[in-house]
C-alpha atoms as a PDB file:
ATOM      1  CA  MET A   1      -8.041   3.703  -9.516  1.00  0.00           C
ATOM      2  CA  PRO A   2     -10.080   6.770 -10.534  1.00  0.00           C
ATOM      3  CA  GLU A   3     -12.492   5.990 -13.337  1.00  0.00           C
ATOM      4  CA  ALA A   4     -10.795   8.384 -15.778  1.00  0.00           C
ATOM      5  CA  ALA A   5      -7.535   6.433 -15.386  1.00  0.00           C
ATOM      6  CA  TRP A   6      -8.879   3.041 -16.430  1.00  0.00           C
ATOM      7  CA  GLU A   7     -10.923   4.610 -19.233  1.00  0.00           C
ATOM      8  CA  ARG A   8      -7.827   6.266 -20.685  1.00  0.00           C
ATOM      9  CA  TYR A   9      -5.986   2.968 -21.040  1.00  0.00           C
ATOM     10  CA  LEU A  10      -8.801   1.316 -22.994  1.00  0.00           C
ATOM     11  CA  THR A  11      -7.524   3.304 -26.000  1.00  0.00           C
ATOM     12  CA  ASP A  12      -4.085   4.518 -24.901  1.00  0.00           C
ATOM     13  CA  TYR A  13      -1.931   1.400 -24.711  1.00  0.00           C
ATOM     14  CA  ASN A  14       1.217   3.163 -23.463  1.00  0.00           C
ATOM     15  CA  GLU A  15       1.173   1.748 -19.924  1.00  0.00           C
ATOM     16  CA  GLY A  16       4.700   2.376 -18.722  1.00  0.00           C
ATOM     17  CA  LEU A  17       7.669   0.120 -17.999  1.00  0.00           C
ATOM     18  CA  GLY A  18       6.465  -1.012 -14.572  1.00  0.00           C
ATOM     19  CA  LEU A  19       3.147  -2.322 -15.834  1.00  0.00           C
ATOM     20  CA  VAL A  20       4.641  -4.165 -18.781  1.00  0.00           C
ATOM     21  CA  TYR A  21       7.158  -5.760 -16.434  1.00  0.00           C
ATOM     22  CA  GLU A  22       4.345  -6.794 -14.081  1.00  0.00           C
ATOM     23  CA  ARG A  23       2.363  -8.433 -16.914  1.00  0.00           C
ATOM     24  CA  LEU A  24       5.332 -10.337 -18.306  1.00  0.00           C
ATOM     25  CA  ILE A  25       6.278 -11.699 -14.884  1.00  0.00           C
ATOM     26  CA  LEU A  26       2.647 -12.698 -14.350  1.00  0.00           C
ATOM     27  CA  ASN A  27       2.593 -14.354 -17.779  1.00  0.00           C
ATOM     28  CA  ASP A  28       5.542 -16.530 -16.846  1.00  0.00           C
ATOM     29  CA  TYR A  29       3.841 -17.615 -13.651  1.00  0.00           C
ATOM     30  CA  LEU A  30       0.542 -18.390 -15.391  1.00  0.00           C
ATOM     31  CA  GLU A  31       2.365 -20.368 -18.081  1.00  0.00           C
ATOM     32  CA  GLY A  32       4.013 -22.413 -15.354  1.00  0.00           C
ATOM     33  CA  LEU A  33       0.606 -23.172 -13.864  1.00  0.00           C
ATOM     34  CA  GLN A  34      -0.821 -24.158 -17.225  1.00  0.00           C
ATOM     35  CA  ARG A  35       2.006 -26.585 -17.905  1.00  0.00           C
ATOM     36  CA  ARG A  36       2.070 -28.015 -14.375  1.00  0.00           C
ATOM     37  CA  TYR A  37      -1.656 -28.630 -14.115  1.00  0.00           C
ATOM     38  CA  ALA A  38      -2.648 -28.969 -17.799  1.00  0.00           C
ATOM     39  CA  LEU A  39      -5.207 -26.196 -17.432  1.00  0.00           C
ATOM     40  CA  GLU A  40      -7.916 -26.075 -20.082  1.00  0.00           C
ATOM     41  CA  SER A  41     -10.455 -23.595 -18.710  1.00  0.00           C
ATOM     42  CA  VAL A  42      -9.975 -20.465 -16.613  1.00  0.00           C
ATOM     43  CA  VAL A  43     -12.127 -17.669 -15.226  1.00  0.00           C
ATOM     44  CA  GLU A  44     -10.749 -14.285 -14.167  1.00  0.00           C
ATOM     45  CA  ALA A  45     -13.112 -12.295 -11.954  1.00  0.00           C
ATOM     46  CA  PRO A  46     -13.092  -9.392 -11.834  1.00  0.00           C
ATOM     47  CA  ILE A  47     -10.851  -8.321 -14.706  1.00  0.00           C
ATOM     48  CA  PHE A  48     -10.216  -4.910 -13.127  1.00  0.00           C
ATOM     49  CA  GLY A  49      -7.358  -4.676 -10.656  1.00  0.00           C
ATOM     50  CA  MET A  50      -4.048  -4.064 -12.376  1.00  0.00           C
ATOM     51  CA  ALA A  51      -3.521  -0.550 -13.670  1.00  0.00           C
ATOM     52  CA  GLY A  52      -3.022   0.103 -17.378  1.00  0.00           C
ATOM     53  CA  VAL A  53      -5.049  -1.708 -20.038  1.00  0.00           C
ATOM     54  CA  SER A  54      -7.913  -3.554 -18.371  1.00  0.00           C
ATOM     55  CA  GLY A  55      -8.840  -7.124 -19.205  1.00  0.00           C
ATOM     56  CA  ILE A  56      -5.651  -8.484 -20.766  1.00  0.00           C
ATOM     57  CA  ASN A  57      -4.230 -10.453 -17.836  1.00  0.00           C
ATOM     58  CA  SER A  58      -5.523 -13.757 -19.254  1.00  0.00           C
ATOM     59  CA  VAL A  59      -4.298 -13.180 -22.808  1.00  0.00           C
ATOM     60  CA  HIS A  60      -1.282 -15.435 -22.385  1.00  0.00           C
ATOM     61  CA  LEU A  61      -3.467 -18.252 -21.075  1.00  0.00           C
ATOM     62  CA  ALA A  62      -5.685 -17.941 -24.151  1.00  0.00           C
ATOM     63  CA  ARG A  63      -2.611 -18.115 -26.366  1.00  0.00           C
ATOM     64  CA  LEU A  64      -1.625 -21.305 -24.569  1.00  0.00           C
ATOM     65  CA  GLY A  65      -4.953 -22.816 -25.580  1.00  0.00           C
ATOM     66  CA  CYS A  66      -7.077 -22.251 -22.486  1.00  0.00           C
ATOM     67  CA  GLN A  67     -10.755 -21.417 -22.747  1.00  0.00           C
ATOM     68  CA  VAL A  68     -10.960 -18.022 -21.035  1.00  0.00           C
ATOM     69  CA  THR A  69     -13.946 -16.438 -19.315  1.00  0.00           C
ATOM     70  CA  LEU A  70     -13.710 -12.809 -18.165  1.00  0.00           C
ATOM     71  CA  VAL A  71     -16.079 -11.322 -15.589  1.00  0.00           C
ATOM     72  CA  ASP A  72     -16.469  -7.685 -14.591  1.00  0.00           C
ATOM     73  CA  ASP A  73     -18.939  -5.412 -12.834  1.00  0.00           C
ATOM     74  CA  ASN A  74     -18.814  -2.549 -15.357  1.00  0.00           C
ATOM     75  CA  GLN A  75     -20.513  -3.033 -18.729  1.00  0.00           C
ATOM     76  CA  ARG A  76     -18.694  -0.173 -20.441  1.00  0.00           C
ATOM     77  CA  ARG A  77     -15.327  -1.585 -19.442  1.00  0.00           C
ATOM     78  CA  LEU A  78     -16.358  -5.125 -20.376  1.00  0.00           C
ATOM     79  CA  THR A  79     -17.497  -3.998 -23.834  1.00  0.00           C
ATOM     80  CA  ALA A  80     -14.182  -2.220 -24.402  1.00  0.00           C
ATOM     81  CA  VAL A  81     -12.245  -5.272 -23.274  1.00  0.00           C
ATOM     82  CA  GLN A  82     -14.207  -7.403 -25.732  1.00  0.00           C
ATOM     83  CA  ARG A  83     -13.073  -5.014 -28.491  1.00  0.00           C
ATOM     84  CA  ILE A  84      -9.459  -5.289 -27.293  1.00  0.00           C
ATOM     85  CA  TRP A  85      -9.590  -9.084 -27.430  1.00  0.00           C
ATOM     86  CA  GLY A  86     -11.005  -8.721 -30.940  1.00  0.00           C
ATOM     87  CA  GLU A  87      -7.933  -6.692 -31.899  1.00  0.00           C
ATOM     88  CA  LEU A  88      -5.803  -9.544 -30.601  1.00  0.00           C
ATOM     89  CA  GLY A  89      -7.846 -12.111 -32.540  1.00  0.00           C
ATOM     90  CA  LEU A  90      -8.424 -14.224 -29.437  1.00  0.00           C
ATOM     91  CA  PRO A  91     -11.627 -15.957 -28.297  1.00  0.00           C
ATOM     92  CA  ALA A  92     -13.042 -15.426 -24.825  1.00  0.00           C
ATOM     93  CA  ARG A  93     -16.372 -15.389 -23.042  1.00  0.00           C
ATOM     94  CA  PHE A  94     -17.397 -12.097 -21.455  1.00  0.00           C
ATOM     95  CA  GLN A  95     -19.805 -12.000 -18.527  1.00  0.00           C
ATOM     96  CA  LEU A  96     -21.261  -9.093 -16.555  1.00  0.00           C
ATOM     97  CA  SER A  97     -21.758  -9.539 -12.806  1.00  0.00           C
ATOM     98  CA  PRO A  98     -22.880  -6.147 -11.437  1.00  0.00           C
ATOM     99  CA  ALA A  99     -22.420  -6.799  -7.699  1.00  0.00           C
ATOM    100  CA  MET A 100     -19.561  -9.324  -7.942  1.00  0.00           C
ATOM    101  CA  ARG A 101     -21.080 -11.187  -4.993  1.00  0.00           C
ATOM    102  CA  SER A 102     -22.000 -14.229  -7.090  1.00  0.00           C
ATOM    103  CA  LEU A 103     -20.720 -15.670 -10.339  1.00  0.00           C
ATOM    104  CA  PRO A 104     -23.242 -16.975 -12.888  1.00  0.00           C
ATOM    105  CA  PHE A 105     -21.612 -20.362 -13.379  1.00  0.00           C
ATOM    106  CA  PRO A 106     -22.239 -23.867 -12.010  1.00  0.00           C
ATOM    107  CA  SER A 107     -19.926 -25.145  -9.289  1.00  0.00           C
ATOM    108  CA  ALA A 108     -16.640 -26.710 -10.438  1.00  0.00           C
ATOM    109  CA  SER A 109     -16.868 -25.143 -13.921  1.00  0.00           C
ATOM    110  CA  PHE A 110     -13.196 -24.167 -14.383  1.00  0.00           C
ATOM    111  CA  ASP A 111      -9.745 -25.620 -13.811  1.00  0.00           C
ATOM    112  CA  LEU A 112      -8.531 -22.257 -12.489  1.00  0.00           C
ATOM    113  CA  ALA A 113     -10.377 -19.302 -10.959  1.00  0.00           C
ATOM    114  CA  TRP A 114      -8.186 -16.303 -10.337  1.00  0.00           C
ATOM    115  CA  GLN A 115      -7.944 -12.608  -9.571  1.00  0.00           C
ATOM    116  CA  TRP A 116      -5.148 -10.024  -9.641  1.00  0.00           C
ATOM    117  CA  ALA A 117      -5.139  -6.978  -7.350  1.00  0.00           C
ATOM    118  CA  GLY A 118      -8.849  -6.233  -7.533  1.00  0.00           C
ATOM    119  CA  LEU A 119     -10.385  -7.433  -4.264  1.00  0.00           C
ATOM    120  CA  TRP A 120     -10.043  -4.116  -2.487  1.00  0.00           C
ATOM    121  CA  TYR A 121     -12.253  -2.357  -5.066  1.00  0.00           C
ATOM    122  CA  LEU A 122     -15.212  -4.655  -4.350  1.00  0.00           C
ATOM    123  CA  PHE A 123     -18.120  -4.066  -1.992  1.00  0.00           C
ATOM    124  CA  SER A 124     -17.932  -7.683  -0.781  1.00  0.00           C
ATOM    125  CA  PRO A 125     -14.474  -9.193  -1.397  1.00  0.00           C
ATOM    126  CA  GLU A 126     -15.146 -12.181   0.820  1.00  0.00           C
ATOM    127  CA  ALA A 127     -18.219 -13.163  -1.184  1.00  0.00           C
ATOM    128  CA  LEU A 128     -16.232 -13.002  -4.413  1.00  0.00           C
ATOM    129  CA  LEU A 129     -13.418 -15.110  -2.939  1.00  0.00           C
ATOM    130  CA  LYS A 130     -15.925 -17.763  -1.917  1.00  0.00           C
ATOM    131  CA  GLU A 131     -17.390 -17.716  -5.412  1.00  0.00           C
ATOM    132  CA  LEU A 132     -13.968 -18.182  -6.997  1.00  0.00           C
ATOM    133  CA  CYS A 133     -13.560 -21.244  -4.795  1.00  0.00           C
ATOM    134  CA  ARG A 134     -17.006 -22.564  -5.700  1.00  0.00           C
ATOM    135  CA  VAL A 135     -16.661 -22.288  -9.483  1.00  0.00           C
ATOM    136  CA  SER A 136     -13.163 -23.809  -9.575  1.00  0.00           C
ATOM    137  CA  ARG A 137     -12.758 -27.552  -9.799  1.00  0.00           C
ATOM    138  CA  ARG A 138      -9.069 -27.410  -8.955  1.00  0.00           C
ATOM    139  CA  LEU A 139      -7.079 -24.175  -8.445  1.00  0.00           C
ATOM    140  CA  VAL A 140      -7.633 -20.707  -7.032  1.00  0.00           C
ATOM    141  CA  PHE A 141      -4.941 -18.051  -7.476  1.00  0.00           C
ATOM    142  CA  VAL A 142      -5.220 -14.593  -5.881  1.00  0.00           C
ATOM    143  CA  ALA A 143      -2.688 -11.743  -5.659  1.00  0.00           C
ATOM    144  CA  MET A 144      -2.895  -8.360  -3.973  1.00  0.00           C
ATOM    145  CA  PRO A 145      -0.633  -5.295  -3.618  1.00  0.00           C
ATOM    146  CA  ASN A 146       2.021  -5.606  -0.925  1.00  0.00           C
ATOM    147  CA  PRO A 147       1.360  -2.955   1.751  1.00  0.00           C
ATOM    148  CA  ARG A 148       4.885  -3.336   3.165  1.00  0.00           C
ATOM    149  CA  GLN A 149       6.842  -2.185   0.153  1.00  0.00           C
ATOM    150  CA  PRO A 150       8.161   1.419   0.076  1.00  0.00           C
ATOM    151  CA  GLY A 151       6.241   2.497  -3.045  1.00  0.00           C
ATOM    152  CA  TYR A 152       2.933   1.573  -1.426  1.00  0.00           C
ATOM    153  CA  LEU A 153       3.763   3.656   1.643  1.00  0.00           C
ATOM    154  CA  LEU A 154       4.995   6.546  -0.499  1.00  0.00           C
ATOM    155  CA  ARG A 155       1.771   6.490  -2.461  1.00  0.00           C
ATOM    156  CA  LYS A 156      -0.410   6.222   0.649  1.00  0.00           C
ATOM    157  CA  TYR A 157       1.135   8.975   2.718  1.00  0.00           C
ATOM    158  CA  LEU A 158       2.598  11.408   0.179  1.00  0.00           C
ATOM    159  CA  VAL A 159       1.904  10.883  -3.518  1.00  0.00           C
ATOM    160  CA  GLU A 160      -1.745   9.827  -3.764  1.00  0.00           C
ATOM    161  CA  PRO A 161      -3.414   9.553  -0.336  1.00  0.00           C
ATOM    162  CA  GLU A 162      -6.840  10.244  -1.871  1.00  0.00           C
ATOM    163  CA  PHE A 163      -6.730   6.882  -3.665  1.00  0.00           C
ATOM    164  CA  PHE A 164      -6.908   4.997  -0.376  1.00  0.00           C
ATOM    165  CA  ARG A 165     -10.303   6.503   0.448  1.00  0.00           C
ATOM    166  CA  HIS A 166     -11.755   4.357  -2.345  1.00  0.00           C
ATOM    167  CA  VAL A 167     -10.301   0.935  -1.496  1.00  0.00           C
ATOM    168  CA  ASN A 168     -10.555  -1.540   1.380  1.00  0.00           C
ATOM    169  CA  GLU A 169      -6.985  -2.014   2.576  1.00  0.00           C
ATOM    170  CA  ALA A 170      -7.999  -4.878   4.859  1.00  0.00           C
ATOM    171  CA  TRP A 171      -7.904  -7.103   1.776  1.00  0.00           C
ATOM    172  CA  THR A 172      -4.192  -6.567   1.220  1.00  0.00           C
ATOM    173  CA  ALA A 173      -3.741  -8.925   4.196  1.00  0.00           C
ATOM    174  CA  ILE A 174      -2.642 -12.140   2.536  1.00  0.00           C
ATOM    175  CA  GLY A 175      -3.404 -14.122   5.711  1.00  0.00           C
ATOM    176  CA  ARG A 176      -7.032 -13.074   5.524  1.00  0.00           C
ATOM    177  CA  ILE A 177      -7.259 -14.171   1.899  1.00  0.00           C
ATOM    178  CA  ARG A 178      -5.534 -17.457   2.685  1.00  0.00           C
ATOM    179  CA  ALA A 179      -7.888 -18.204   5.593  1.00  0.00           C
ATOM    180  CA  THR A 180     -10.979 -17.484   3.508  1.00  0.00           C
ATOM    181  CA  ILE A 181      -9.853 -19.833   0.747  1.00  0.00           C
ATOM    182  CA  VAL A 182      -8.854 -22.628   3.129  1.00  0.00           C
ATOM    183  CA  ALA A 183     -12.270 -22.418   4.803  1.00  0.00           C
ATOM    184  CA  GLN A 184     -13.831 -23.307   1.446  1.00  0.00           C
ATOM    185  CA  GLY A 185     -12.090 -26.696   1.327  1.00  0.00           C
ATOM    186  CA  TYR A 186      -8.758 -25.819  -0.270  1.00  0.00           C
ATOM    187  CA  ARG A 187      -5.154 -26.385   0.749  1.00  0.00           C
ATOM    188  CA  ILE A 188      -2.443 -23.816   0.116  1.00  0.00           C
ATOM    189  CA  VAL A 189       0.014 -25.015  -2.528  1.00  0.00           C
ATOM    190  CA  GLU A 190       2.151 -21.872  -2.673  1.00  0.00           C
ATOM    191  CA  GLN A 191       2.365 -18.532  -0.955  1.00  0.00           C
ATOM    192  CA  GLY A 192       4.888 -16.040  -2.193  1.00  0.00           C
ATOM    193  CA  VAL A 193       5.814 -12.694  -3.669  1.00  0.00           C
ATOM    194  CA  MET A 194       5.823 -11.625  -7.288  1.00  0.00           C
ATOM    195  CA  ASP A 195       6.610  -8.525  -9.344  1.00  0.00           C
ATOM    196  CA  VAL A 196       9.973  -7.586  -7.805  1.00  0.00           C
ATOM    197  CA  PRO A 197      11.643  -5.062 -10.122  1.00  0.00           C
ATOM    198  CA  PRO A 198      14.391  -2.711  -8.917  1.00  0.00           C
ATOM    199  CA  TRP A 199      11.999   0.260  -8.611  1.00  0.00           C
ATOM    200  CA  PRO A 200       9.271   0.984  -6.026  1.00  0.00           C
ATOM    201  CA  ASP A 201       5.604   0.568  -6.954  1.00  0.00           C
ATOM    202  CA  THR A 202       3.664   3.838  -6.876  1.00  0.00           C
ATOM    203  CA  VAL A 203       1.255   2.792  -9.671  1.00  0.00           C
ATOM    204  CA  MET A 204       1.901   5.849 -11.803  1.00  0.00           C
ATOM    205  CA  PRO A 205       4.225   6.782 -14.677  1.00  0.00           C
ATOM    206  CA  ALA A 206       7.663   7.974 -13.617  1.00  0.00           C
ATOM    207  CA  ALA A 207       7.189  11.465 -15.086  1.00  0.00           C
ATOM    208  CA  GLN A 208       3.932  11.884 -13.152  1.00  0.00           C
ATOM    209  CA  LEU A 209       5.591  10.671  -9.962  1.00  0.00           C
ATOM    210  CA  LEU A 210       8.371  13.225 -10.319  1.00  0.00           C
ATOM    211  CA  GLY A 211       5.767  15.956 -10.658  1.00  0.00           C
ATOM    212  CA  LYS A 212       3.903  14.740  -7.566  1.00  0.00           C
ATOM    213  CA  LEU A 213       7.173  14.865  -5.631  1.00  0.00           C
ATOM    214  CA  GLY A 214       7.782  18.427  -6.804  1.00  0.00           C
ATOM    215  CA  ILE A 215      10.734  17.560  -9.034  1.00  0.00           C
ATOM    216  CA  ARG A 216      10.495  19.965 -11.982  1.00  0.00           C
ATOM    217  CA  SER A 217      13.728  19.167 -13.824  1.00  0.00           C
ATOM    218  CA  ARG A 218      12.940  19.140 -17.547  1.00  0.00           C
ATOM    219  CA  ARG A 219      15.987  17.013 -18.245  1.00  0.00           C
ATOM    220  CA  LEU A 220      14.903  14.348 -15.781  1.00  0.00           C
ATOM    221  CA  GLN A 221      11.256  14.510 -16.854  1.00  0.00           C
ATOM    222  CA  SER A 222      12.249  14.043 -20.509  1.00  0.00           C
ATOM    223  CA  ARG A 223      13.882  10.697 -19.704  1.00  0.00           C
ATOM    224  CA  PHE A 224      10.479   9.208 -18.861  1.00  0.00           C
ATOM    225  CA  GLN A 225       8.188  10.555 -21.585  1.00  0.00           C
ATOM    226  CA  GLY A 226       7.984  11.177 -25.312  1.00  0.00           C
ATOM    227  CA  GLU A 227       8.243   8.818 -28.274  1.00  0.00           C
ATOM    228  CA  GLY A 228      11.373   7.135 -26.989  1.00  0.00           C
ATOM    229  CA  TRP A 229       9.669   6.138 -23.745  1.00  0.00           C
ATOM    230  CA  ARG A 230       6.779   3.925 -24.860  1.00  0.00           C
ATOM    231  CA  TRP A 231       6.062   0.670 -23.048  1.00  0.00           C
ATOM    232  CA  SER A 232       3.002  -1.220 -24.228  1.00  0.00           C
ATOM    233  CA  THR A 233       1.988  -4.827 -23.591  1.00  0.00           C
ATOM    234  CA  MET A 234      -0.485  -4.510 -26.458  1.00  0.00           C
ATOM    235  CA  ASP A 235       2.327  -3.524 -28.849  1.00  0.00           C
ATOM    236  CA  TYR A 236       4.123  -6.700 -27.799  1.00  0.00           C
ATOM    237  CA  TYR A 237       1.003  -8.868 -28.184  1.00  0.00           C
ATOM    238  CA  LEU A 238       0.219  -7.348 -31.591  1.00  0.00           C
ATOM    239  CA  GLY A 239       3.743  -8.035 -32.883  1.00  0.00           C
ATOM    240  CA  ARG A 240       4.698  -4.373 -33.174  1.00  0.00           C
ATOM    241  CA  GLU A 241       7.460  -4.692 -30.554  1.00  0.00           C
ATOM    242  CA  PRO A 242       8.750  -8.281 -30.758  1.00  0.00           C
ATOM    243  CA  GLY A 243      11.797  -7.392 -28.664  1.00  0.00           C
ATOM    244  CA  MET A 244       9.741  -5.939 -25.813  1.00  0.00           C
ATOM    245  CA  ARG A 245      10.017  -8.985 -23.577  1.00  0.00           C
ATOM    246  CA  GLU A 246      13.814  -9.069 -23.787  1.00  0.00           C
ATOM    247  CA  ARG A 247      14.054  -5.315 -23.155  1.00  0.00           C
ATOM    248  CA  VAL A 248      11.791  -5.462 -20.120  1.00  0.00           C
ATOM    249  CA  LEU A 249      13.010  -8.628 -18.440  1.00  0.00           C
ATOM    250  CA  ARG A 250      16.588  -7.424 -18.276  1.00  0.00           C
ATOM    251  CA  TYR A 251      15.283  -5.701 -15.155  1.00  0.00           C
ATOM    252  CA  ALA A 252      14.265  -9.043 -13.594  1.00  0.00           C
ATOM    253  CA  TRP A 253      17.610  -9.676 -11.890  1.00  0.00           C
ATOM    254  CA  LEU A 254      16.153  -9.008  -8.428  1.00  0.00           C
ATOM    255  CA  GLU A 255      13.072 -11.143  -9.183  1.00  0.00           C
ATOM    256  CA  ARG A 256      15.284 -14.050 -10.245  1.00  0.00           C
ATOM    257  CA  SER A 257      17.828 -13.680  -7.464  1.00  0.00           C
ATOM    258  CA  ARG A 258      18.244 -16.245  -4.701  1.00  0.00           C
ATOM    259  CA  LEU A 259      17.418 -13.792  -1.958  1.00  0.00           C
ATOM    260  CA  PRO A 260      15.117 -15.320   0.683  1.00  0.00           C
ATOM    261  CA  ARG A 261      11.409 -14.704   0.244  1.00  0.00           C
ATOM    262  CA  TRP A 262      11.112 -12.649   3.429  1.00  0.00           C
ATOM    263  CA  LEU A 263      13.742 -10.236   2.126  1.00  0.00           C
ATOM    264  CA  LYS A 264      12.140  -9.938  -1.299  1.00  0.00           C
ATOM    265  CA  GLY A 265       8.863  -9.398   0.529  1.00  0.00           C
ATOM    266  CA  LEU A 266      10.134  -6.052   1.779  1.00  0.00           C
ATOM    267  CA  TRP A 267      10.292  -4.801  -1.821  1.00  0.00           C
ATOM    268  CA  ALA A 268       7.920  -7.022  -3.862  1.00  0.00           C
ATOM    269  CA  HIS A 269       4.946  -5.222  -5.355  1.00  0.00           C
ATOM    270  CA  HIS A 270       2.525  -8.136  -4.893  1.00  0.00           C
ATOM    271  CA  ARG A 271       1.917 -11.104  -2.609  1.00  0.00           C
ATOM    272  CA  TYR A 272      -0.048 -14.158  -3.718  1.00  0.00           C
ATOM    273  CA  VAL A 273      -1.551 -17.473  -2.723  1.00  0.00           C
ATOM    274  CA  LEU A 274      -2.204 -20.525  -4.889  1.00  0.00           C
ATOM    275  CA  ALA A 275      -4.625 -23.098  -3.500  1.00  0.00           C
ATOM    276  CA  GLU A 276      -5.874 -26.487  -4.670  1.00  0.00           C
ATOM    277  CA  ARG A 277      -9.230 -28.046  -3.848  1.00  0.00           C
ATOM    278  CA  VAL A 278      -8.732 -31.004  -1.537  1.00  0.00           C
ATOM    279  CA  GLU A 279      -9.260 -34.394  -3.149  1.00  0.00           C
ATOM    280  CA  SER A 280     -12.393 -35.264  -1.156  1.00  0.00           C
ATOM    281  CA  ASP A 281     -14.112 -32.176  -2.521  1.00  0.00           C
ATOM    282  CA  ARG A 282     -12.983 -32.857  -6.096  1.00  0.00           C
ATOM    283  CA  ALA A 283     -14.387 -36.389  -6.094  1.00  0.00           C
END
């Protein structure tokens, strides 16, 4: 994501419907992990990956009582994220790791080490993956954009081809991520798809997408902007929009359907793996 984009959302919390949906679906998954494994400590590294407001992916885990550590390679972004967590009144530890090749923690420091959609921005994704495995005592969870879904292809070849000059698409290959994690002494617990709303994922607001596609209809553009079209995870977290979750998750009918995973995988915005350290290594 261009630098100006992530900087904007450190103060402008109007992310768009797609991003709020993505966060709420992710929250439900993380809550399931916390309850299933009784997680007490988590590290997210790096915190930059998902579009919109940086650094708030682990908020729900903190609200569930987990001790949260957030790592990033950009001090300006990390400082802003610390302010955002202050607005939310939540504790967290913030750690700078400029190269993201090593994490400044002892081995087996956290119950969960995880990352969402950020590997392809890194100079050495494999080194970071190995570090996530090293600092976790139990679980590693990693998700990346799904290169098969139509919105990804639309973005790559028509809407925003310049973006792909700044990322390493090789790390959208979930098999490569899975193999790297397994080689560190983990077994795969789950592999699946997540974030399956009824719209394609082009990682930009609908009004902006229409403009990129050359659609200049004022009537259509007005449906996706203005005061009546505000979607903000922060508003929900701060109690300003208590009905936000219900409004957003009415679009989760495809996510919750019984369609086979391979079929959902043609449309899902993200693919993920969850791995657990093998018992011999945990002893």
